[in-house]
Amino acid sequence: MTASTSRPAGRPATGRTPAPPPVTTLGADDARRIALRAQGLLGAPDRPGGVRGVLRHLGAVQLDTISVLARSHELIPYARLGAVGRPAVEAAYWGKGTSFEYWSHAACILPIEEWPLFAFRRRRYRERAHVWGKEVDEATYRSVLAKLRTEGPLTSTELGGAKKTADWWDWSDTKIAVERALSFGDVVCTDRRSWKRVYSLAEQAVPAELFAADPTDEECLRTLVAQSGAALGVATRADLLDYHRLRAEQFDSVVADSGLVPVEVAGWGPDGAPAAAWADPAALAGPPRGRHRTTLLSPFDSLVWERPRTERIFGMAHRLEAYTPKHKRVHGYFAMPLLTGGRLVGRVDPAREGRTLVARQVSLDSPRHVGALATALREAADWVGCDAVRVETLHDEALRPALERLLA
């Protein structure tokens, strides 16, 4: 890893004013490899830790309702561990009290050990007059908690109904009340049934020592900033804010005591200039080496979920087009970046038809990546139980004979 240190210009370190510590300068390639290693996509995967190990390492796995190749929370460990069984993925997340759902980067699965760290956010929700834009009378709120106390974990339907009408947004008072209770921390979701949240009283579902912990806002934020830095390896201020969606003033109040160290990264600034960033000290301890994964990434993968960071590190301007009108899409409904050799080299928009994995639209940066594309498609097909792959639209039809030969 090529890195240099330099003392900022200024007075010599004399008298009572200590000299500022030297700042490490990283090359863009070093920063890219550090980020990949921090995200578990460079080096030997933590197979003994399995899916739970991936979750603990990343600190947050984003949830989303879209299911094409698989749901996004399944794709995250798959990208790092390979074809881990999908039932094992679900079992690792839910039903055993090892994780919970809460608002982090977005709606995320979080390791149960992080329950105390989101006390700052739960307190902020309690200060609001309205949560989810509507008010619910106190009697409905109390009745929801009472029912969970006497009957145990329940879905919103079992509590009394999720919606007033067929409209997805038209929540019932019971649904609003239980979601408020979830935001406040009176209720927790540690399980799902048929993709429905199962709500439990937090005092019953969260381990007693974690439930009793009451860290200050400062303690929560300092730990979350350090955890974000470890998960990203090296990151700008904006990157670190985005990981758990912190406010700028929250980050600024704790970063100096977080344990992260200031660095500069060549090429990360405007017009290729160096940019100020922060690094996890462990990430700087040695050069990032090991085997690169070749895989398709969910658009909600924490390696690429922040678009400016993805473009800065990998040179790929990628965005989810699922909510873009079909005629305006460029790369497809759920285009998944292709990762190989530590770089993003193309995109695949997948679908499934029976036991066939369909690549609706495929693009590659270079013909030399056709082998990596075939490897990623074949592994993905095997993982979801497909025994054939069909490529529909290929940006360069001259690649089709070689690709189909590799897929055969």
Protein backbone atom coordinates (compact mmCIF):
# COMPACT_ATOMS: atom_id res chain seq x y z
CA MET A 1 0.00 0.00 0.00
CA THR A 2 1.51 3.29 -1.04
CA ALA A 3 0.99 5.99 1.53
CA SER A 4 2.87 9.07 2.54
CA THR A 5 2.77 11.42 5.48
CA SER A 6 3.31 15.13 5.53
CA ARG A 7 3.12 17.86 8.16
CA PRO A 8 0.63 20.59 7.32
CA ALA A 9 2.22 23.94 6.63
CA GLY A 10 2.43 26.28 9.62
CA ARG A 11 4.63 27.18 12.52
CA PRO A 12 7.14 24.70 13.90
CA ALA A 13 6.00 22.80 16.94
CA THR A 14 7.37 25.11 19.62
CA GLY A 15 6.13 26.48 22.89
CA ARG A 16 2.78 25.33 24.17
CA THR A 17 1.17 24.60 20.82
CA PRO A 18 1.73 20.96 19.82
CA ALA A 19 2.29 20.18 16.18
CA PRO A 20 -0.70 18.57 14.47
CA PRO A 21 -0.11 14.90 13.71
CA PRO A 22 1.07 14.08 10.19
CA VAL A 23 -1.69 13.21 7.75
CA THR A 24 -1.49 9.97 5.80
CA THR A 25 -2.07 10.30 2.06
CA LEU A 26 -3.56 7.31 0.27
CA GLY A 27 -3.66 6.60 -3.43
CA ALA A 28 -7.07 6.05 -5.01
CA ASP A 29 -6.30 2.37 -5.70
CA ASP A 30 -5.23 1.83 -2.09
CA ALA A 31 -8.45 3.44 -0.88
CA ARG A 32 -10.50 1.26 -3.21
CA ARG A 33 -8.88 -1.93 -1.92
CA ILE A 34 -9.26 -0.79 1.70
CA ALA A 35 -12.97 -0.21 1.07
CA LEU A 36 -13.37 -3.64 -0.51
CA ARG A 37 -11.60 -5.37 2.37
CA ALA A 38 -13.62 -3.46 4.95
CA GLN A 39 -16.82 -4.56 3.20
CA GLY A 40 -15.78 -8.22 3.15
CA LEU A 41 -15.26 -8.38 -0.61
CA LEU A 42 -11.47 -8.74 -0.62
CA GLY A 43 -9.69 -11.50 1.24
CA ALA A 44 -10.91 -14.75 2.71
CA PRO A 45 -14.58 -14.55 3.72
CA ASP A 46 -15.51 -15.17 7.34
CA ARG A 47 -17.20 -18.50 6.67
CA PRO A 48 -17.26 -19.65 10.31
CA GLY A 49 -19.09 -16.43 11.20
CA GLY A 50 -21.53 -17.00 8.35
CA VAL A 51 -24.43 -14.66 7.73
CA ARG A 52 -24.45 -13.36 11.30
CA GLY A 53 -20.77 -12.59 10.99
CA VAL A 54 -21.44 -10.56 7.85
CA LEU A 55 -24.20 -8.64 9.63
CA ARG A 56 -22.03 -7.92 12.67
CA HIS A 57 -19.16 -6.82 10.45
CA LEU A 58 -21.24 -4.48 8.28
CA GLY A 59 -23.32 -3.20 11.18
CA ALA A 60 -26.42 -2.80 8.99
CA VAL A 61 -28.06 -4.65 6.09
CA GLN A 62 -30.69 -2.68 4.20
CA LEU A 63 -34.15 -4.13 3.66
CA ASP A 64 -36.26 -3.62 0.56
CA THR A 65 -39.49 -5.12 -0.72
CA ILE A 66 -38.20 -5.70 -4.27
CA SER A 67 -37.47 -9.35 -5.01
CA VAL A 68 -36.03 -10.18 -8.43
CA LEU A 69 -33.10 -12.54 -8.19
CA ALA A 70 -33.73 -12.57 -4.43
CA ARG A 71 -34.52 -9.95 -1.81
CA SER A 72 -31.71 -7.53 -1.15
CA HIS A 73 -31.00 -8.71 2.41
CA GLU A 74 -30.30 -12.17 0.97
CA LEU A 75 -27.99 -10.79 -1.71
CA ILE A 76 -25.69 -9.10 0.82
CA PRO A 77 -24.27 -12.28 2.44
CA TYR A 78 -24.40 -14.09 -0.91
CA ALA A 79 -22.08 -11.47 -2.43
CA ARG A 80 -19.54 -12.07 0.34
CA LEU A 81 -19.89 -15.76 1.17
CA GLY A 82 -21.00 -17.27 -2.11
CA ALA A 83 -23.88 -19.67 -2.45
CA VAL A 84 -24.87 -19.87 1.23
CA GLY A 85 -28.27 -21.55 1.53
CA ARG A 86 -31.14 -19.10 1.38
CA PRO A 87 -33.02 -20.75 4.29
CA ALA A 88 -29.85 -20.32 6.33
CA VAL A 89 -29.83 -16.63 5.47
CA GLU A 90 -33.37 -16.15 6.72
CA ALA A 91 -32.73 -18.21 9.85
CA ALA A 92 -29.64 -16.15 10.65
CA TYR A 93 -31.55 -12.88 10.53
CA TRP A 94 -34.85 -13.61 12.23
CA GLY A 95 -36.46 -15.59 14.99
CA LYS A 96 -33.49 -16.23 17.27
CA GLY A 97 -33.12 -12.84 18.94
CA THR A 98 -29.77 -12.11 17.29
CA SER A 99 -30.93 -9.11 15.24
CA PHE A 100 -33.65 -6.48 15.04
CA GLU A 101 -35.09 -4.06 12.51
CA TYR A 102 -34.74 -0.33 12.86
CA TRP A 103 -34.06 2.90 11.01
CA SER A 104 -30.35 3.14 10.21
CA HIS A 105 -29.19 3.86 6.64
CA ALA A 106 -32.83 3.13 5.83
CA ALA A 107 -34.99 0.30 7.17
CA CYS A 108 -32.26 -2.16 8.12
CA ILE A 109 -31.52 -5.39 9.90
CA LEU A 110 -29.11 -4.65 12.73
CA PRO A 111 -27.18 -6.90 15.12
CA ILE A 112 -29.02 -7.07 18.44
CA GLU A 113 -25.84 -5.78 20.11
CA GLU A 114 -26.57 -2.41 18.46
CA TRP A 115 -29.90 -1.97 20.28
CA PRO A 116 -28.40 0.45 22.85
CA LEU A 117 -26.67 2.48 20.13
CA PHE A 118 -29.95 3.66 18.64
CA ALA A 119 -31.23 5.06 21.94
CA PHE A 120 -30.38 8.53 20.60
CA ARG A 121 -32.77 8.02 17.67
CA ARG A 122 -35.50 6.51 19.80
CA ARG A 123 -35.31 9.53 22.12
CA ARG A 124 -35.58 11.88 19.15
CA TYR A 125 -38.69 10.11 17.88
CA ARG A 126 -40.30 10.45 21.32
CA GLU A 127 -39.77 14.20 21.19
CA ARG A 128 -41.85 14.52 18.04
CA ALA A 129 -45.51 15.44 18.22
CA HIS A 130 -46.27 13.21 15.23
CA VAL A 131 -44.60 10.09 13.89
CA TRP A 132 -45.62 8.84 10.42
CA GLY A 133 -47.53 12.09 9.95
CA LYS A 134 -50.57 11.07 11.99
CA GLU A 135 -51.63 11.17 15.61
CA VAL A 136 -53.08 8.14 17.38
CA ASP A 137 -54.97 8.35 20.63
CA GLU A 138 -53.19 7.09 23.71
CA ALA A 139 -55.80 4.40 24.33
CA THR A 140 -55.00 2.67 21.02
CA TYR A 141 -51.30 2.84 21.80
CA ARG A 142 -51.79 1.32 25.25
CA SER A 143 -54.09 -1.39 23.89
CA VAL A 144 -51.44 -2.50 21.36
CA LEU A 145 -48.83 -2.83 24.10
CA ALA A 146 -51.29 -4.67 26.35
CA LYS A 147 -52.15 -7.18 23.64
CA LEU A 148 -48.48 -7.90 22.94
CA ARG A 149 -47.87 -8.31 26.66
CA THR A 150 -50.62 -10.88 27.07
CA GLU A 151 -50.50 -12.70 23.72
CA GLY A 152 -46.83 -12.45 22.77
CA PRO A 153 -45.36 -11.59 19.34
CA LEU A 154 -47.97 -10.65 16.69
CA THR A 155 -48.17 -9.26 13.18
CA SER A 156 -50.10 -6.07 12.52
CA THR A 157 -52.91 -8.16 11.06
CA GLU A 158 -53.09 -10.20 14.25
CA LEU A 159 -53.08 -7.00 16.27
CA GLY A 160 -56.19 -5.81 14.51
CA GLY A 161 -55.39 -4.95 10.93
CA ALA A 162 -52.64 -3.22 8.98
CA LYS A 163 -54.78 -1.12 6.63
CA LYS A 164 -58.17 0.59 6.53
CA THR A 165 -58.57 0.06 2.79
CA ALA A 166 -56.74 -1.79 0.03
CA ASP A 167 -54.45 1.21 -0.48
CA TRP A 168 -50.95 0.37 0.74
CA TRP A 169 -50.55 3.73 2.47
CA ASP A 170 -53.89 3.80 4.28
CA TRP A 171 -52.72 2.39 7.61
CA SER A 172 -55.14 1.54 10.37
CA ASP A 173 -54.84 3.24 13.76
CA THR A 174 -53.45 -0.03 15.14
CA LYS A 175 -50.72 -0.15 12.49
CA ILE A 176 -49.78 3.48 13.12
CA ALA A 177 -49.69 2.83 16.86
CA VAL A 178 -47.43 -0.21 16.61
CA GLU A 179 -45.07 1.54 14.19
CA ARG A 180 -44.87 4.46 16.60
CA ALA A 181 -44.10 2.00 19.38
CA LEU A 182 -41.38 0.50 17.18
CA SER A 183 -39.85 3.95 16.61
CA PHE A 184 -40.02 4.76 20.32
CA GLY A 185 -38.48 1.45 21.36
CA ASP A 186 -41.46 0.10 23.30
CA VAL A 187 -41.82 -2.54 20.57
CA VAL A 188 -39.19 -4.35 18.51
CA CYS A 189 -39.23 -6.51 15.39
CA THR A 190 -36.87 -9.49 15.63
CA ASP A 191 -38.79 -11.84 13.34
CA ARG A 192 -40.84 -11.95 10.13
CA ARG A 193 -43.52 -14.32 8.90
CA SER A 194 -44.14 -14.40 5.15
CA TRP A 195 -42.35 -11.06 4.94
CA LYS A 196 -44.65 -9.53 7.57
CA ARG A 197 -43.09 -7.88 10.58
CA VAL A 198 -43.70 -9.69 13.86
CA TYR A 199 -43.88 -7.22 16.74
CA SER A 200 -42.79 -8.00 20.30
CA LEU A 201 -42.51 -5.97 23.46
CA ALA A 202 -38.91 -4.78 23.56
CA GLU A 203 -38.64 -5.59 27.26
CA GLN A 204 -39.44 -9.22 26.44
CA ALA A 205 -37.47 -9.67 23.19
CA VAL A 206 -34.28 -7.67 23.76
CA PRO A 207 -31.70 -9.32 26.07
CA ALA A 208 -32.02 -7.80 29.54
CA GLU A 209 -28.52 -6.32 29.70
CA LEU A 210 -29.00 -4.60 26.32
CA PHE A 211 -32.50 -3.40 27.14
CA ALA A 212 -31.31 -1.91 30.42
CA ALA A 213 -28.37 -0.07 28.81
CA ASP A 214 -28.98 3.65 28.49
CA PRO A 215 -26.01 5.30 26.75
CA THR A 216 -25.97 9.04 26.24
CA ASP A 217 -26.49 10.48 22.77
CA GLU A 218 -22.77 11.23 22.64
CA GLU A 219 -21.85 7.63 23.47
CA CYS A 220 -24.27 6.30 20.84
CA LEU A 221 -22.98 8.59 18.13
CA ARG A 222 -19.30 8.08 18.89
CA THR A 223 -19.67 4.31 18.68
CA LEU A 224 -21.75 4.43 15.51
CA VAL A 225 -19.24 6.72 13.79
CA ALA A 226 -16.43 4.32 14.71
CA GLN A 227 -18.48 1.36 13.50
CA SER A 228 -19.24 3.11 10.21
CA GLY A 229 -15.55 3.84 9.74
CA ALA A 230 -14.65 0.20 10.32
CA ALA A 231 -17.33 -0.94 7.84
CA LEU A 232 -16.18 1.51 5.17
CA GLY A 233 -12.43 1.35 5.81
CA VAL A 234 -11.77 4.84 4.49
CA ALA A 235 -14.50 7.40 3.96
CA THR A 236 -15.30 11.05 3.57
CA ARG A 237 -17.38 12.93 6.09
CA ALA A 238 -20.39 12.59 3.77
CA ASP A 239 -19.85 8.82 3.51
CA LEU A 240 -19.79 8.45 7.28
CA LEU A 241 -22.87 10.61 7.72
CA ASP A 242 -24.73 8.50 5.19
CA TYR A 243 -23.98 5.08 6.67
CA HIS A 244 -26.42 5.43 9.59
CA ARG A 245 -27.99 8.68 8.31
CA LEU A 246 -26.52 10.91 10.98
CA ARG A 247 -26.77 14.69 11.02
CA ALA A 248 -23.69 16.77 10.33
CA GLU A 249 -23.67 18.32 13.80
CA GLN A 250 -23.96 14.85 15.38
CA PHE A 251 -20.97 13.58 13.45
CA ASP A 252 -18.88 16.68 14.05
CA SER A 253 -19.46 16.52 17.80
CA VAL A 254 -17.92 13.06 18.19
CA VAL A 255 -15.58 12.25 15.31
CA ALA A 256 -12.47 13.56 17.10
CA ASP A 257 -13.07 11.00 19.87
CA SER A 258 -14.20 8.15 17.62
CA GLY A 259 -10.78 6.63 17.06
CA LEU A 260 -10.86 7.32 13.32
CA VAL A 261 -7.79 9.03 11.91
CA PRO A 262 -7.73 11.85 9.33
CA VAL A 263 -6.27 10.99 5.94
CA GLU A 264 -6.19 12.40 2.44
CA VAL A 265 -7.12 10.34 -0.62
CA ALA A 266 -5.64 11.23 -3.98
CA GLY A 267 -8.22 11.69 -6.73
CA TRP A 268 -11.25 11.88 -4.45
CA GLY A 269 -11.65 15.63 -4.68
CA PRO A 270 -12.95 17.86 -7.49
CA ASP A 271 -10.96 17.50 -10.72
CA GLY A 272 -8.91 14.68 -9.26
CA ALA A 273 -7.55 16.68 -6.34
CA PRO A 274 -6.89 15.02 -2.97
CA ALA A 275 -9.81 14.98 -0.55
CA ALA A 276 -9.96 14.91 3.23
CA ALA A 277 -11.27 11.64 4.66
CA TRP A 278 -11.23 9.46 7.75
CA ALA A 279 -9.87 5.93 8.10
CA ASP A 280 -10.21 3.08 10.52
CA PRO A 281 -6.72 2.60 12.06
CA ALA A 282 -6.98 -1.16 11.54
CA ALA A 283 -7.47 -0.54 7.82
CA LEU A 284 -4.12 1.22 7.66
CA ALA A 285 -2.23 -1.46 9.58
CA GLY A 286 -1.25 -3.42 6.48
CA PRO A 287 -1.79 -3.59 2.74
CA PRO A 288 -5.17 -5.03 1.68
CA ARG A 289 -4.48 -8.35 0.00
CA GLY A 290 -6.43 -11.49 -0.81
CA ARG A 291 -8.90 -13.01 -3.21
CA HIS A 292 -11.40 -10.76 -4.95
CA ARG A 293 -15.02 -11.86 -5.21
CA THR A 294 -16.66 -12.04 -8.63
CA THR A 295 -20.35 -11.47 -8.02
CA LEU A 296 -23.48 -9.45 -8.76
CA LEU A 297 -24.26 -6.77 -6.17
CA SER A 298 -27.64 -5.62 -4.94
CA PRO A 299 -28.20 -1.90 -5.64
CA PHE A 300 -28.80 -1.70 -1.87
CA ASP A 301 -25.45 -3.29 -0.97
CA SER A 302 -23.51 -1.10 1.45
CA LEU A 303 -20.54 -1.15 -0.94
CA VAL A 304 -22.58 0.86 -3.47
CA TRP A 305 -25.64 2.24 -1.68
CA GLU A 306 -24.20 5.78 -1.58
CA ARG A 307 -24.06 6.82 -5.23
CA PRO A 308 -21.45 9.62 -4.95
CA ARG A 309 -19.08 7.24 -3.11
CA THR A 310 -19.61 4.54 -5.74
CA GLU A 311 -18.75 6.96 -8.52
CA ARG A 312 -15.76 8.34 -6.61
CA ILE A 313 -14.24 4.92 -5.85
CA PHE A 314 -15.27 2.85 -8.87
CA GLY A 315 -16.03 5.39 -11.57
CA MET A 316 -19.55 3.99 -12.01
CA ALA A 317 -22.56 6.30 -11.96
CA HIS A 318 -25.13 3.79 -10.79
CA ARG A 319 -28.70 4.29 -9.64
CA LEU A 320 -31.73 2.12 -9.01
CA GLU A 321 -34.19 2.48 -11.89
CA ALA A 322 -37.04 0.42 -10.42
CA TYR A 323 -39.07 3.59 -9.85
CA THR A 324 -38.09 5.16 -13.18
CA PRO A 325 -40.69 4.92 -15.98
CA LYS A 326 -39.80 1.93 -18.14
CA HIS A 327 -39.18 3.96 -21.29
CA LYS A 328 -36.64 6.11 -19.42
CA ARG A 329 -34.56 3.27 -17.95
CA VAL A 330 -31.00 2.95 -19.17
CA HIS A 331 -29.77 -0.22 -17.50
CA GLY A 332 -32.98 -1.91 -16.34
CA TYR A 333 -35.44 -2.33 -13.47
CA PHE A 334 -33.03 -3.85 -10.91
CA ALA A 335 -29.65 -3.52 -12.58
CA MET A 336 -26.98 -5.19 -10.44
CA PRO A 337 -23.36 -4.02 -10.72
CA LEU A 338 -20.88 -6.74 -11.68
CA LEU A 339 -17.90 -6.84 -9.33
CA THR A 340 -14.70 -8.61 -10.38
CA GLY A 341 -11.04 -8.01 -9.66
CA GLY A 342 -12.02 -5.30 -7.20
CA ARG A 343 -13.73 -3.17 -9.84
CA LEU A 344 -17.26 -2.61 -11.10
CA VAL A 345 -17.15 -3.62 -14.75
CA GLY A 346 -20.74 -3.93 -15.91
CA ARG A 347 -24.41 -4.36 -15.03
CA VAL A 348 -26.99 -7.13 -15.23
CA ASP A 349 -30.76 -6.66 -14.94
CA PRO A 350 -31.96 -10.10 -13.81
CA ALA A 351 -35.28 -11.93 -13.71
CA ARG A 352 -36.44 -15.52 -13.19
CA GLU A 353 -38.73 -17.64 -15.34
CA GLY A 354 -39.24 -21.00 -13.73
CA ARG A 355 -35.81 -22.63 -13.55
CA THR A 356 -34.22 -20.15 -15.93
CA LEU A 357 -32.30 -17.09 -14.81
CA VAL A 358 -32.97 -14.38 -17.37
CA ALA A 359 -30.50 -11.54 -17.91
CA ARG A 360 -32.87 -9.04 -19.44
CA GLN A 361 -30.18 -6.49 -20.14
CA VAL A 362 -26.40 -6.81 -19.85
CA SER A 363 -23.62 -4.30 -20.37
CA LEU A 364 -19.86 -4.66 -19.93
CA ASP A 365 -17.13 -2.05 -19.86
CA SER A 366 -14.77 -4.30 -21.82
CA PRO A 367 -14.91 -7.62 -23.73
CA ARG A 368 -12.23 -9.00 -21.40
CA HIS A 369 -14.81 -9.25 -18.63
CA VAL A 370 -17.06 -11.73 -20.43
CA GLY A 371 -15.59 -14.61 -18.40
CA ALA A 372 -16.35 -12.84 -15.12
CA LEU A 373 -19.88 -12.16 -16.35
CA ALA A 374 -20.43 -15.84 -17.14
CA THR A 375 -19.05 -16.85 -13.72
CA ALA A 376 -21.34 -14.42 -11.89
CA LEU A 377 -24.43 -15.48 -13.88
CA ARG A 378 -23.76 -19.18 -13.43
CA GLU A 379 -23.18 -18.88 -9.67
CA ALA A 380 -26.29 -16.74 -9.23
CA ALA A 381 -28.38 -19.22 -11.20
CA ASP A 382 -27.18 -22.15 -9.12
CA TRP A 383 -27.83 -20.22 -5.90
CA VAL A 384 -31.49 -19.51 -6.70
CA GLY A 385 -32.16 -23.01 -8.05
CA CYS A 386 -32.02 -22.27 -11.77
CA ASP A 387 -30.37 -24.71 -14.16
CA ALA A 388 -30.29 -22.45 -17.23
CA VAL A 389 -29.30 -18.88 -18.07
CA ARG A 390 -30.77 -16.85 -20.92
CA VAL A 391 -29.31 -13.50 -21.97
CA GLU A 392 -31.81 -11.30 -23.77
CA THR A 393 -30.28 -7.90 -24.55
CA LEU A 394 -26.49 -7.72 -24.72
CA HIS A 395 -24.97 -4.30 -25.29
CA ASP A 396 -22.33 -5.80 -27.61
CA GLU A 397 -23.76 -8.71 -29.62
CA ALA A 398 -20.27 -9.67 -30.76
CA LEU A 399 -19.76 -11.07 -27.24
CA ARG A 400 -22.74 -13.43 -27.40
CA PRO A 401 -20.98 -16.52 -28.90
CA ALA A 402 -18.24 -16.42 -26.27
CA LEU A 403 -20.71 -15.78 -23.44
CA GLU A 404 -23.08 -18.56 -24.48
CA ARG A 405 -20.15 -20.97 -24.81
CA LEU A 406 -19.05 -20.13 -21.27
CA LEU A 407 -22.58 -20.50 -19.94
CA ALA A 408 -23.25 -23.83 -21.64
